[in-house]
Amino acid sequence: MFKQFIENFPGSQVYLITSLWLFLVFFIAVGIMLFRMNKEHVDYMSDLPLSEEEEI
């Protein structure tokens, strides 16, 4: 069904390549953001559900 839609849709190749690039750019941006994230903040957020003391 999708193959017929893609074959009959004018400009389908542009749509497919654009959606692939958008996915890749988003995935790479999230990966870079995760690697640049402050490790202390990650530790604080990972302990947050288990922490009994209130830090404001």
Protein backbone atom coordinates (compact mmCIF):
# COMPACT_ATOMS: atom_id res chain seq x y z
CA MET A 1 0.00 0.00 0.00
CA PHE A 2 2.72 2.49 0.92
CA LYS A 3 4.75 1.53 -2.13
CA GLN A 4 1.84 2.44 -4.41
CA PHE A 5 1.35 5.73 -2.58
CA ILE A 6 5.02 6.63 -2.92
CA GLU A 7 5.17 5.66 -6.60
CA ASN A 8 2.06 7.70 -7.49
CA PHE A 9 2.87 10.74 -5.34
CA PRO A 10 4.63 13.49 -7.35
CA GLY A 11 7.87 14.57 -5.72
CA SER A 12 7.95 11.55 -3.46
CA GLN A 13 11.73 11.22 -3.63
CA VAL A 14 12.15 14.75 -2.28
CA TYR A 15 9.73 13.97 0.54
CA LEU A 16 11.54 10.76 1.47
CA ILE A 17 15.01 12.31 1.43
CA THR A 18 13.82 15.36 3.38
CA SER A 19 12.21 13.24 6.08
CA LEU A 20 15.36 11.12 6.35
CA TRP A 21 17.55 14.22 6.77
CA LEU A 22 15.21 15.70 9.37
CA PHE A 23 15.35 12.47 11.36
CA LEU A 24 19.14 12.28 11.14
CA VAL A 25 19.64 15.93 12.14
CA PHE A 26 17.29 15.53 15.11
CA PHE A 27 18.96 12.28 16.22
CA ILE A 28 22.46 13.77 15.95
CA ALA A 29 21.41 16.96 17.78
CA VAL A 30 19.95 14.94 20.66
CA GLY A 31 23.10 12.82 20.80
CA ILE A 32 25.33 15.90 20.95
CA MET A 33 23.13 17.43 23.62
CA LEU A 34 23.36 14.26 25.72
CA PHE A 35 27.15 14.11 25.47
CA ARG A 36 27.51 17.79 26.38
CA MET A 37 25.09 17.58 29.32
CA ASN A 38 26.51 18.40 32.74
CA LYS A 39 27.26 15.11 34.54
CA GLU A 40 26.36 16.58 37.95
CA HIS A 41 22.92 17.47 36.64
CA VAL A 42 22.47 13.93 35.31
CA ASP A 43 23.44 12.48 38.70
CA TYR A 44 21.05 14.85 40.48
CA MET A 45 18.17 13.95 38.17
CA SER A 46 18.86 10.20 38.46
CA ASP A 47 18.76 10.38 42.27
CA LEU A 48 15.70 12.64 42.37
CA PRO A 49 12.98 9.95 42.55
CA LEU A 50 14.85 8.15 45.34
CA SER A 51 15.89 11.21 47.32
CA GLU A 52 13.99 11.87 50.54
CA GLU A 53 15.52 15.27 51.23
CA GLU A 54 14.03 18.32 49.59
CA GLU A 55 16.47 20.48 47.67
CA ILE A 56 15.15 23.68 46.22
